[in-house]
Amino acid sequence: MSEDNIKTLTPKVTEIAYEHRKTKRRLWFDDRYLYEEWGISALKGNNSFLLHRLSPNIVKESISDPSSVKKVQKSFLLFTLSVVIYYSDYQSKIPLLAPALFLYGSLLFFSIKNAWPRTWVSIYDDFNYKQAGIVIPSNETPAQKDKREAFIGGLKVAIETARSKEYYGE
């Protein structure tokens, strides 16, 4: 199937927006750049990536936050340690140690929501560094899925087109 057939079969979607962990993100592209804009409260930022430097192999992957996973592991260790200390001889010598460990462990346990793996569509560059990503919500509607797939398809075509052109002399 040629590029012209792909362009006519898929609707032209050049922009996608989503929210992840209270951060609003928007990605869009033109014939030369992929733009990313994000904002949370008063913090705002944007990035731009040259299309011919991006890899056309856009992958779907499941990612969890490694620091959150470590926090959950520490919280289980602290919970176990607080129970052991509570029923040991140390409880009479240091009476607030078990409740303090339990409280600290319960605060770390709140990061379990971030430790759960999320599905992403990741956009990498030629050196295999992740440049941008689109989170796929677990409750994604068919309309959202179609829009995301149309955006990814259009982005792949735009990357291939940009790679075939010479932008170095312009």
Foldseek 3Di string as FASTA:
>chain_A
DDPVVLPVVFDDQFKDWDDDPQKTKMWGDDLFWIKIWIDHDPDIDIDIDGLLQWDLPWDKDWDADVVLVVLLVQLVVLLVVLVVCCPDPVCVVPVCSSVVSNVSSVVSNVSVVRRGIWIKGFIAGPVRDTDDIDTDDPPDDPVNVSSVVSNSSNSSSSSVSSNVDDPPVD
